[in-house]
Amino acid sequence: MLHFRFIRPSLFTSNSLCNLSPKTLPFPLISVSGIPNSQLRSQMASYTTSSQSSKLLFRQLFEKESSTYTYLLADASHPEKPALLIDPVDKTVDRDLSLIQDLGLKLIYALNTHVHADHVTGTGLIKSKVPGVKSVISKASGSKADLWVEPGDKICFGDLLLEVRATPGHTLGCVTYVTGDAPDQPQPRMAFTGDALLIRGCGRTDFQGGSSQQLYKSVHSQIFTLPKDTLLYPAHDYKGFTVSTVGEEMLYNPRLTKDEETFKSIMENLKLSYPKMMDIAVPANMVCGLQDM
């Protein structure tokens, strides 16, 4: 039986990642269908990485009401095609699971970058529809989940992995998931930044323990230190952009290219309205997306 690994680097050297395992759990079962997924193509985008990382299957999915991106990643070269979803939305769970079924993947993780205030996560629904899928969120979020991640943790799916980087500031528990830097990992690297860093913007910092100072330091120390060709995939976009790079945002982000004091002043004077879904979404997302769990 195939297993996945969830590894804390303090237990092993970097050379042993995904070869040894302090936690070993079986993959959940999901049926496989050969039905074409042409009906879904208008709702998804993909990026083709170099031949070194052709094993990665990647889809970018969109939920229009909250302008949320959900990301599907899988190790297509592995016999079991283990897969994970980042930031699923409750309203598009059936679409996402249909795509996973069509592609013959085995979903093992449903990850969130943070406790969302603008939509209800699909994590709880996914767990109810695909028994055995593990929900993942940062320990600092204070939210319920099967697995809590901390900075430096590595989440393996097949022979691929995501590194966890703490990027608080939008909320206390925000994390960014970054693909590995080894030669057999996707090139260029990919970072899933949640609301910490948006394309030519960033998440607001006026609720859920937000801090402009903390967000500025998070982005500059944890994201802008990645290679400049690293592809950036945010949790939202409101102008139709789908991807950016570290190099682009270091040059053109109208907020985060400023010095820290100017950035703080910008964030303190945004005068944004109260999030319309916050009173529903936050309580639900604190319990994995299902309030009666």
C-alpha atoms as a PDB file:
ATOM      1  CA  MET A   1       0.000   0.000   0.000  1.00  0.00           C
ATOM      2  CA  LEU A   2       1.213   3.494  -0.845  1.00  0.00           C
ATOM      3  CA  HIS A   3       1.763   5.896   2.036  1.00  0.00           C
ATOM      4  CA  PHE A   4       2.341   9.617   2.329  1.00  0.00           C
ATOM      5  CA  ARG A   5       4.777  11.360   4.572  1.00  0.00           C
ATOM      6  CA  PHE A   6       4.483  14.457   6.730  1.00  0.00           C
ATOM      7  CA  ILE A   7       7.926  15.445   7.933  1.00  0.00           C
ATOM      8  CA  ARG A   8       9.323  17.836  10.498  1.00  0.00           C
ATOM      9  CA  PRO A   9      12.873  18.744   9.428  1.00  0.00           C
ATOM     10  CA  SER A  10      14.140  18.791  13.001  1.00  0.00           C
ATOM     11  CA  LEU A  11      13.881  15.012  12.974  1.00  0.00           C
ATOM     12  CA  PHE A  12      15.812  14.374   9.775  1.00  0.00           C
ATOM     13  CA  THR A  13      18.464  15.943   7.573  1.00  0.00           C
ATOM     14  CA  SER A  14      17.386  17.565   4.312  1.00  0.00           C
ATOM     15  CA  ASN A  15      18.828  14.645   2.346  1.00  0.00           C
ATOM     16  CA  SER A  16      16.348  12.260   3.937  1.00  0.00           C
ATOM     17  CA  LEU A  17      13.173  14.187   3.113  1.00  0.00           C
ATOM     18  CA  CYS A  18      10.400  11.864   1.926  1.00  0.00           C
ATOM     19  CA  ASN A  19      12.597   8.811   2.508  1.00  0.00           C
ATOM     20  CA  LEU A  20      11.916   8.482   6.219  1.00  0.00           C
ATOM     21  CA  SER A  21       8.682   9.129   8.041  1.00  0.00           C
ATOM     22  CA  PRO A  22       7.742   9.986  11.629  1.00  0.00           C
ATOM     23  CA  LYS A  23       4.063   9.798  10.610  1.00  0.00           C
ATOM     24  CA  THR A  24       2.721   7.267   8.138  1.00  0.00           C
ATOM     25  CA  LEU A  25      -0.943   7.191   7.203  1.00  0.00           C
ATOM     26  CA  PRO A  26      -2.729   5.292   4.431  1.00  0.00           C
ATOM     27  CA  PHE A  27      -4.102   7.025   1.389  1.00  0.00           C
ATOM     28  CA  PRO A  28      -7.886   7.402   1.271  1.00  0.00           C
ATOM     29  CA  LEU A  29      -9.678   5.594  -1.515  1.00  0.00           C
ATOM     30  CA  ILE A  30     -11.326   7.530  -4.338  1.00  0.00           C
ATOM     31  CA  SER A  31     -12.922   6.044  -7.410  1.00  0.00           C
ATOM     32  CA  VAL A  32     -11.280   6.537 -10.794  1.00  0.00           C
ATOM     33  CA  SER A  33     -13.209   7.468 -13.894  1.00  0.00           C
ATOM     34  CA  GLY A  34     -12.191   7.809 -17.520  1.00  0.00           C
ATOM     35  CA  ILE A  35     -14.816  10.440 -18.265  1.00  0.00           C
ATOM     36  CA  PRO A  36     -13.292  13.387 -20.180  1.00  0.00           C
ATOM     37  CA  ASN A  37     -13.034  16.606 -18.199  1.00  0.00           C
ATOM     38  CA  SER A  38     -13.601  18.948 -21.145  1.00  0.00           C
ATOM     39  CA  GLN A  39     -16.567  20.516 -19.378  1.00  0.00           C
ATOM     40  CA  LEU A  40     -14.190  21.760 -16.680  1.00  0.00           C
ATOM     41  CA  ARG A  41     -11.529  23.283 -18.887  1.00  0.00           C
ATOM     42  CA  SER A  42     -13.135  26.710 -19.000  1.00  0.00           C
ATOM     43  CA  GLN A  43     -12.832  26.906 -15.212  1.00  0.00           C
ATOM     44  CA  MET A  44      -9.191  25.964 -14.828  1.00  0.00           C
ATOM     45  CA  ALA A  45      -5.731  26.997 -15.936  1.00  0.00           C
ATOM     46  CA  SER A  46      -2.410  25.196 -15.890  1.00  0.00           C
ATOM     47  CA  TYR A  47       1.233  26.081 -16.028  1.00  0.00           C
ATOM     48  CA  THR A  48       3.724  23.789 -17.719  1.00  0.00           C
ATOM     49  CA  THR A  49       7.008  23.568 -15.851  1.00  0.00           C
ATOM     50  CA  SER A  50      10.332  22.372 -17.225  1.00  0.00           C
ATOM     51  CA  SER A  51      10.993  18.781 -18.253  1.00  0.00           C
ATOM     52  CA  GLN A  52      12.777  18.251 -14.940  1.00  0.00           C
ATOM     53  CA  SER A  53       9.430  18.518 -13.178  1.00  0.00           C
ATOM     54  CA  SER A  54       7.095  16.932 -15.713  1.00  0.00           C
ATOM     55  CA  LYS A  55       5.921  14.655 -12.912  1.00  0.00           C
ATOM     56  CA  LEU A  56       3.908  17.563 -11.462  1.00  0.00           C
ATOM     57  CA  LEU A  57       0.266  17.788 -12.481  1.00  0.00           C
ATOM     58  CA  PHE A  58      -0.997  21.289 -11.703  1.00  0.00           C
ATOM     59  CA  ARG A  59      -4.361  23.016 -12.093  1.00  0.00           C
ATOM     60  CA  GLN A  60      -5.485  26.479 -11.052  1.00  0.00           C
ATOM     61  CA  LEU A  61      -9.224  26.610 -10.293  1.00  0.00           C
ATOM     62  CA  PHE A  62     -11.398  29.680  -9.723  1.00  0.00           C
ATOM     63  CA  GLU A  63     -14.466  30.464  -7.590  1.00  0.00           C
ATOM     64  CA  LYS A  64     -15.984  33.643  -8.989  1.00  0.00           C
ATOM     65  CA  GLU A  65     -18.117  34.891  -6.071  1.00  0.00           C
ATOM     66  CA  SER A  66     -15.157  35.293  -3.710  1.00  0.00           C
ATOM     67  CA  SER A  67     -12.544  35.495  -6.502  1.00  0.00           C
ATOM     68  CA  THR A  68     -10.710  32.596  -4.865  1.00  0.00           C
ATOM     69  CA  TYR A  69      -8.113  30.370  -6.472  1.00  0.00           C
ATOM     70  CA  THR A  70      -7.948  26.725  -5.472  1.00  0.00           C
ATOM     71  CA  TYR A  71      -4.845  24.794  -6.526  1.00  0.00           C
ATOM     72  CA  LEU A  72      -4.629  21.115  -7.384  1.00  0.00           C
ATOM     73  CA  LEU A  73      -1.189  19.494  -7.325  1.00  0.00           C
ATOM     74  CA  ALA A  74      -0.351  15.832  -7.885  1.00  0.00           C
ATOM     75  CA  ASP A  75       2.643  13.600  -8.557  1.00  0.00           C
ATOM     76  CA  ALA A  76       1.546  12.293 -11.950  1.00  0.00           C
ATOM     77  CA  SER A  77       4.590  10.030 -12.295  1.00  0.00           C
ATOM     78  CA  HIS A  78       3.799   8.064  -9.142  1.00  0.00           C
ATOM     79  CA  PRO A  79       1.714   4.883  -9.588  1.00  0.00           C
ATOM     80  CA  GLU A  80      -0.937   6.135  -7.152  1.00  0.00           C
ATOM     81  CA  LYS A  81      -0.943   9.781  -8.368  1.00  0.00           C
ATOM     82  CA  PRO A  82      -1.215  11.319  -4.872  1.00  0.00           C
ATOM     83  CA  ALA A  83      -2.782  14.772  -4.896  1.00  0.00           C
ATOM     84  CA  LEU A  84      -3.584  17.739  -2.676  1.00  0.00           C
ATOM     85  CA  LEU A  85      -5.834  20.789  -2.842  1.00  0.00           C
ATOM     86  CA  ILE A  86      -4.832  24.212  -1.522  1.00  0.00           C
ATOM     87  CA  ASP A  87      -7.591  26.600  -0.336  1.00  0.00           C
ATOM     88  CA  PRO A  88     -10.692  24.702  -1.507  1.00  0.00           C
ATOM     89  CA  VAL A  89     -14.054  26.545  -1.433  1.00  0.00           C
ATOM     90  CA  ASP A  90     -17.254  24.877  -0.247  1.00  0.00           C
ATOM     91  CA  LYS A  91     -19.237  25.984  -3.331  1.00  0.00           C
ATOM     92  CA  THR A  92     -16.855  24.283  -5.769  1.00  0.00           C
ATOM     93  CA  VAL A  93     -16.105  21.043  -3.932  1.00  0.00           C
ATOM     94  CA  ASP A  94     -18.104  18.909  -6.375  1.00  0.00           C
ATOM     95  CA  ARG A  95     -16.302  20.472  -9.344  1.00  0.00           C
ATOM     96  CA  ASP A  96     -12.900  19.890  -7.748  1.00  0.00           C
ATOM     97  CA  LEU A  97     -13.617  16.286  -6.793  1.00  0.00           C
ATOM     98  CA  SER A  98     -14.971  15.560 -10.277  1.00  0.00           C
ATOM     99  CA  LEU A  99     -11.736  16.820 -11.780  1.00  0.00           C
ATOM    100  CA  ILE A 100      -9.688  14.716  -9.376  1.00  0.00           C
ATOM    101  CA  GLN A 101     -11.759  11.691 -10.318  1.00  0.00           C
ATOM    102  CA  ASP A 102     -11.424  12.357 -14.049  1.00  0.00           C
ATOM    103  CA  LEU A 103      -7.658  12.634 -13.775  1.00  0.00           C
ATOM    104  CA  GLY A 104      -7.385   9.390 -11.808  1.00  0.00           C
ATOM    105  CA  LEU A 105      -5.813  11.004  -8.756  1.00  0.00           C
ATOM    106  CA  LYS A 106      -5.875  10.032  -5.083  1.00  0.00           C
ATOM    107  CA  LEU A 107      -6.571  13.027  -2.883  1.00  0.00           C
ATOM    108  CA  ILE A 108      -4.662  12.876   0.393  1.00  0.00           C
ATOM    109  CA  TYR A 109      -4.638  16.458   1.711  1.00  0.00           C
ATOM    110  CA  ALA A 110      -6.909  19.509   1.783  1.00  0.00           C
ATOM    111  CA  LEU A 111      -4.759  22.457   2.843  1.00  0.00           C
ATOM    112  CA  ASN A 112      -5.628  25.999   3.853  1.00  0.00           C
ATOM    113  CA  THR A 113      -3.186  28.891   3.844  1.00  0.00           C
ATOM    114  CA  HIS A 114      -5.118  30.591   6.669  1.00  0.00           C
ATOM    115  CA  VAL A 115      -8.555  30.998   8.255  1.00  0.00           C
ATOM    116  CA  HIS A 116     -10.459  32.704   5.447  1.00  0.00           C
ATOM    117  CA  ALA A 117     -12.877  35.560   6.154  1.00  0.00           C
ATOM    118  CA  ASP A 118     -14.341  35.872   2.653  1.00  0.00           C
ATOM    119  CA  HIS A 119     -15.519  32.328   1.975  1.00  0.00           C
ATOM    120  CA  VAL A 120     -16.102  29.019   3.717  1.00  0.00           C
ATOM    121  CA  THR A 121     -13.388  26.465   3.119  1.00  0.00           C
ATOM    122  CA  GLY A 122     -14.342  23.274   1.322  1.00  0.00           C
ATOM    123  CA  THR A 123     -12.134  21.201   3.614  1.00  0.00           C
ATOM    124  CA  GLY A 124     -14.920  19.837   5.791  1.00  0.00           C
ATOM    125  CA  LEU A 125     -17.119  18.874   2.843  1.00  0.00           C
ATOM    126  CA  ILE A 126     -14.202  17.163   1.118  1.00  0.00           C
ATOM    127  CA  LYS A 127     -13.535  15.091   4.239  1.00  0.00           C
ATOM    128  CA  SER A 128     -17.180  14.033   4.330  1.00  0.00           C
ATOM    129  CA  LYS A 129     -17.168  13.012   0.652  1.00  0.00           C
ATOM    130  CA  VAL A 130     -13.717  11.357   0.523  1.00  0.00           C
ATOM    131  CA  PRO A 131     -13.080   9.557   3.820  1.00  0.00           C
ATOM    132  CA  GLY A 132      -9.434   9.551   4.820  1.00  0.00           C
ATOM    133  CA  VAL A 133      -8.469  12.921   3.367  1.00  0.00           C
ATOM    134  CA  LYS A 134      -6.520  14.909   5.957  1.00  0.00           C
ATOM    135  CA  SER A 135      -7.197  18.595   6.589  1.00  0.00           C
ATOM    136  CA  VAL A 136      -4.128  20.787   7.089  1.00  0.00           C
ATOM    137  CA  ILE A 137      -3.693  24.300   8.485  1.00  0.00           C
ATOM    138  CA  SER A 138      -1.086  26.114  10.546  1.00  0.00           C
ATOM    139  CA  LYS A 139      -0.921  25.459  14.261  1.00  0.00           C
ATOM    140  CA  ALA A 140      -0.762  29.222  14.814  1.00  0.00           C
ATOM    141  CA  SER A 141      -4.229  29.633  13.285  1.00  0.00           C
ATOM    142  CA  GLY A 142      -5.934  28.033  16.275  1.00  0.00           C
ATOM    143  CA  SER A 143      -8.299  26.261  13.884  1.00  0.00           C
ATOM    144  CA  LYS A 144      -9.347  22.622  13.968  1.00  0.00           C
ATOM    145  CA  ALA A 145      -7.631  20.270  11.512  1.00  0.00           C
ATOM    146  CA  ASP A 146      -6.252  16.759  11.257  1.00  0.00           C
ATOM    147  CA  LEU A 147      -2.706  18.068  10.926  1.00  0.00           C
ATOM    148  CA  TRP A 148      -1.242  21.344  12.149  1.00  0.00           C
ATOM    149  CA  VAL A 149       1.851  22.571  10.353  1.00  0.00           C
ATOM    150  CA  GLU A 150       4.640  24.774  11.626  1.00  0.00           C
ATOM    151  CA  PRO A 151       7.443  26.697   9.882  1.00  0.00           C
ATOM    152  CA  GLY A 152       9.901  24.326   8.220  1.00  0.00           C
ATOM    153  CA  ASP A 153       7.518  21.383   7.992  1.00  0.00           C
ATOM    154  CA  LYS A 154       7.490  19.560   4.681  1.00  0.00           C
ATOM    155  CA  ILE A 155       4.361  17.957   3.245  1.00  0.00           C
ATOM    156  CA  CYS A 156       5.090  15.129   0.830  1.00  0.00           C
ATOM    157  CA  PHE A 157       2.808  13.795  -1.900  1.00  0.00           C
ATOM    158  CA  GLY A 158       4.507  11.032  -3.816  1.00  0.00           C
ATOM    159  CA  ASP A 159       8.051  12.208  -4.577  1.00  0.00           C
ATOM    160  CA  LEU A 160       7.082  15.886  -4.480  1.00  0.00           C
ATOM    161  CA  LEU A 161       6.873  18.159  -1.464  1.00  0.00           C
ATOM    162  CA  LEU A 162       5.709  21.501  -0.166  1.00  0.00           C
ATOM    163  CA  GLU A 163       7.711  23.457   2.385  1.00  0.00           C
ATOM    164  CA  VAL A 164       5.777  25.445   5.003  1.00  0.00           C
ATOM    165  CA  ARG A 165       6.793  29.072   5.564  1.00  0.00           C
ATOM    166  CA  ALA A 166       5.153  31.246   8.208  1.00  0.00           C
ATOM    167  CA  THR A 167       3.881  34.479   6.641  1.00  0.00           C
ATOM    168  CA  PRO A 168       1.653  36.107   9.300  1.00  0.00           C
ATOM    169  CA  GLY A 169       0.368  39.646   9.038  1.00  0.00           C
ATOM    170  CA  HIS A 170      -2.904  39.270   7.166  1.00  0.00           C
ATOM    171  CA  THR A 171      -3.862  36.890   9.977  1.00  0.00           C
ATOM    172  CA  LEU A 172      -1.813  35.418  12.813  1.00  0.00           C
ATOM    173  CA  GLY A 173      -1.784  31.977  11.231  1.00  0.00           C
ATOM    174  CA  CYS A 174      -1.009  32.631   7.560  1.00  0.00           C
ATOM    175  CA  VAL A 175       1.448  30.296   5.872  1.00  0.00           C
ATOM    176  CA  THR A 176       2.900  30.062   2.378  1.00  0.00           C
ATOM    177  CA  TYR A 177       3.430  26.647   0.778  1.00  0.00           C
ATOM    178  CA  VAL A 178       6.532  26.435  -1.423  1.00  0.00           C
ATOM    179  CA  THR A 179       7.642  23.603  -3.713  1.00  0.00           C
ATOM    180  CA  GLY A 180      11.022  22.038  -2.977  1.00  0.00           C
ATOM    181  CA  ASP A 181      14.367  23.294  -4.249  1.00  0.00           C
ATOM    182  CA  ALA A 182      15.928  19.935  -5.188  1.00  0.00           C
ATOM    183  CA  PRO A 183      16.617  19.148  -8.885  1.00  0.00           C
ATOM    184  CA  ASP A 184      13.780  16.611  -8.994  1.00  0.00           C
ATOM    185  CA  GLN A 185      11.225  19.170  -7.777  1.00  0.00           C
ATOM    186  CA  PRO A 186       9.265  21.594 -10.024  1.00  0.00           C
ATOM    187  CA  GLN A 187      11.431  24.213 -11.722  1.00  0.00           C
ATOM    188  CA  PRO A 188      10.957  27.113 -11.432  1.00  0.00           C
ATOM    189  CA  ARG A 189       9.748  26.865  -7.845  1.00  0.00           C
ATOM    190  CA  MET A 190       6.143  27.698  -6.992  1.00  0.00           C
ATOM    191  CA  ALA A 191       4.825  29.536  -3.925  1.00  0.00           C
ATOM    192  CA  PHE A 192       1.186  29.493  -2.837  1.00  0.00           C
ATOM    193  CA  THR A 193       0.971  32.707  -0.842  1.00  0.00           C
ATOM    194  CA  GLY A 194      -2.629  32.795   0.348  1.00  0.00           C
ATOM    195  CA  ASP A 195      -3.572  36.400   1.174  1.00  0.00           C
ATOM    196  CA  ALA A 196      -0.113  37.387   2.396  1.00  0.00           C
ATOM    197  CA  LEU A 197       1.033  38.414  -1.080  1.00  0.00           C
ATOM    198  CA  LEU A 198      -1.382  39.086  -3.924  1.00  0.00           C
ATOM    199  CA  ILE A 199      -0.484  40.021  -7.491  1.00  0.00           C
ATOM    200  CA  ARG A 200       0.433  43.722  -7.218  1.00  0.00           C
ATOM    201  CA  GLY A 201      -1.081  43.822  -3.752  1.00  0.00           C
ATOM    202  CA  CYS A 202      -1.414  42.077  -0.391  1.00  0.00           C
ATOM    203  CA  GLY A 203      -4.059  41.058   2.115  1.00  0.00           C
ATOM    204  CA  ARG A 204      -5.577  43.600   4.492  1.00  0.00           C
ATOM    205  CA  THR A 205      -4.235  43.757   8.038  1.00  0.00           C
ATOM    206  CA  ASP A 206      -7.067  45.264  10.070  1.00  0.00           C
ATOM    207  CA  PHE A 207      -8.704  42.138  11.564  1.00  0.00           C
ATOM    208  CA  GLN A 208      -7.996  38.559  12.710  1.00  0.00           C
ATOM    209  CA  GLY A 209      -4.837  39.606  14.516  1.00  0.00           C
ATOM    210  CA  GLY A 210      -3.443  41.338  11.438  1.00  0.00           C
ATOM    211  CA  SER A 211      -0.352  43.516  11.568  1.00  0.00           C
ATOM    212  CA  SER A 212       1.090  45.663   8.785  1.00  0.00           C
ATOM    213  CA  GLN A 213       4.541  45.524  10.319  1.00  0.00           C
ATOM    214  CA  GLN A 214       4.410  41.743  10.610  1.00  0.00           C
ATOM    215  CA  LEU A 215       3.118  41.291   7.056  1.00  0.00           C
ATOM    216  CA  TYR A 216       5.882  43.485   5.630  1.00  0.00           C
ATOM    217  CA  LYS A 217       8.545  41.457   7.440  1.00  0.00           C
ATOM    218  CA  SER A 218       6.906  38.154   6.438  1.00  0.00           C
ATOM    219  CA  VAL A 219       6.859  38.931   2.730  1.00  0.00           C
ATOM    220  CA  HIS A 220      10.373  40.348   2.634  1.00  0.00           C
ATOM    221  CA  SER A 221      11.947  37.562   4.701  1.00  0.00           C
ATOM    222  CA  GLN A 222       9.981  34.509   3.556  1.00  0.00           C
ATOM    223  CA  ILE A 223       8.825  35.222  -0.015  1.00  0.00           C
ATOM    224  CA  PHE A 224      11.128  37.866  -1.512  1.00  0.00           C
ATOM    225  CA  THR A 225      14.130  35.724  -0.488  1.00  0.00           C
ATOM    226  CA  LEU A 226      13.016  32.972  -2.888  1.00  0.00           C
ATOM    227  CA  PRO A 227      14.599  32.849  -6.380  1.00  0.00           C
ATOM    228  CA  LYS A 228      13.303  35.687  -8.540  1.00  0.00           C
ATOM    229  CA  ASP A 229      11.800  33.286 -11.076  1.00  0.00           C
ATOM    230  CA  THR A 230       9.673  31.613  -8.390  1.00  0.00           C
ATOM    231  CA  LEU A 231       6.048  31.562  -9.566  1.00  0.00           C
ATOM    232  CA  LEU A 232       3.620  33.192  -7.152  1.00  0.00           C
ATOM    233  CA  TYR A 233       0.073  31.903  -6.884  1.00  0.00           C
ATOM    234  CA  PRO A 234      -2.195  33.889  -4.522  1.00  0.00           C
ATOM    235  CA  ALA A 235      -5.470  32.867  -2.908  1.00  0.00           C
ATOM    236  CA  HIS A 236      -7.365  35.626  -4.719  1.00  0.00           C
ATOM    237  CA  ASP A 237      -7.254  37.970  -7.664  1.00  0.00           C
ATOM    238  CA  TYR A 238      -9.820  40.602  -8.555  1.00  0.00           C
ATOM    239  CA  LYS A 239      -8.433  41.826 -11.890  1.00  0.00           C
ATOM    240  CA  GLY A 240      -8.012  38.616 -13.847  1.00  0.00           C
ATOM    241  CA  PHE A 241      -4.332  37.965 -13.132  1.00  0.00           C
ATOM    242  CA  THR A 242      -3.411  34.329 -12.545  1.00  0.00           C
ATOM    243  CA  VAL A 243       0.294  34.248 -11.676  1.00  0.00           C
ATOM    244  CA  SER A 244       3.245  36.500 -10.925  1.00  0.00           C
ATOM    245  CA  THR A 245       6.878  35.990  -9.920  1.00  0.00           C
ATOM    246  CA  VAL A 246       9.028  37.055  -6.998  1.00  0.00           C
ATOM    247  CA  GLY A 247      11.044  39.273  -9.324  1.00  0.00           C
ATOM    248  CA  GLU A 248       7.945  41.008 -10.672  1.00  0.00           C
ATOM    249  CA  GLU A 249       6.500  41.742  -7.237  1.00  0.00           C
ATOM    250  CA  MET A 250       9.848  43.035  -5.956  1.00  0.00           C
ATOM    251  CA  LEU A 251       9.804  45.555  -8.806  1.00  0.00           C
ATOM    252  CA  TYR A 252       6.147  46.397  -9.329  1.00  0.00           C
ATOM    253  CA  ASN A 253       4.102  45.690  -6.173  1.00  0.00           C
ATOM    254  CA  PRO A 254       2.769  49.183  -5.348  1.00  0.00           C
ATOM    255  CA  ARG A 255       2.719  48.506  -1.606  1.00  0.00           C
ATOM    256  CA  LEU A 256       5.558  46.129  -0.803  1.00  0.00           C
ATOM    257  CA  THR A 257       8.191  47.937  -2.872  1.00  0.00           C
ATOM    258  CA  LYS A 258       7.909  50.848  -0.421  1.00  0.00           C
ATOM    259  CA  ASP A 259       9.851  51.149   2.829  1.00  0.00           C
ATOM    260  CA  GLU A 260       8.226  49.699   5.944  1.00  0.00           C
ATOM    261  CA  GLU A 261       6.875  52.983   7.329  1.00  0.00           C
ATOM    262  CA  THR A 262       5.296  53.940   4.015  1.00  0.00           C
ATOM    263  CA  PHE A 263       3.777  50.473   3.728  1.00  0.00           C
ATOM    264  CA  LYS A 264       2.260  50.775   7.216  1.00  0.00           C
ATOM    265  CA  SER A 265       0.788  54.152   6.312  1.00  0.00           C
ATOM    266  CA  ILE A 266      -0.738  52.747   3.111  1.00  0.00           C
ATOM    267  CA  MET A 267      -2.316  49.831   4.976  1.00  0.00           C
ATOM    268  CA  GLU A 268      -3.683  52.052   7.753  1.00  0.00           C
ATOM    269  CA  ASN A 269      -5.472  54.267   5.243  1.00  0.00           C
ATOM    270  CA  LEU A 270      -7.130  51.745   2.929  1.00  0.00           C
ATOM    271  CA  LYS A 271     -10.594  52.471   4.373  1.00  0.00           C
ATOM    272  CA  LEU A 272     -11.926  49.063   3.396  1.00  0.00           C
ATOM    273  CA  SER A 273     -15.462  47.943   4.183  1.00  0.00           C
ATOM    274  CA  TYR A 274     -16.193  45.157   6.662  1.00  0.00           C
ATOM    275  CA  PRO A 275     -15.925  41.754   4.901  1.00  0.00           C
ATOM    276  CA  LYS A 276     -19.487  40.669   4.111  1.00  0.00           C
ATOM    277  CA  MET A 277     -18.791  36.979   4.780  1.00  0.00           C
ATOM    278  CA  MET A 278     -16.612  37.405   7.869  1.00  0.00           C
ATOM    279  CA  ASP A 279     -19.223  36.650  10.550  1.00  0.00           C
ATOM    280  CA  ILE A 280     -20.160  33.426   8.748  1.00  0.00           C
ATOM    281  CA  ALA A 281     -16.844  32.336   7.291  1.00  0.00           C
ATOM    282  CA  VAL A 282     -14.496  32.757  10.243  1.00  0.00           C
ATOM    283  CA  PRO A 283     -16.525  30.699  12.774  1.00  0.00           C
ATOM    284  CA  ALA A 284     -17.095  27.988  10.160  1.00  0.00           C
ATOM    285  CA  ASN A 285     -13.475  27.900   9.092  1.00  0.00           C
ATOM    286  CA  MET A 286     -12.260  27.632  12.664  1.00  0.00           C
ATOM    287  CA  VAL A 287     -13.912  24.199  12.702  1.00  0.00           C
ATOM    288  CA  CYS A 288     -12.714  22.977   9.303  1.00  0.00           C
ATOM    289  CA  GLY A 289     -15.575  24.549   7.362  1.00  0.00           C
ATOM    290  CA  LEU A 290     -18.422  22.694   9.057  1.00  0.00           C
ATOM    291  CA  GLN A 291     -19.944  24.400  12.073  1.00  0.00           C
ATOM    292  CA  ASP A 292     -21.447  21.210  13.489  1.00  0.00           C
ATOM    293  CA  MET A 293     -18.185  19.237  13.443  1.00  0.00           C
END
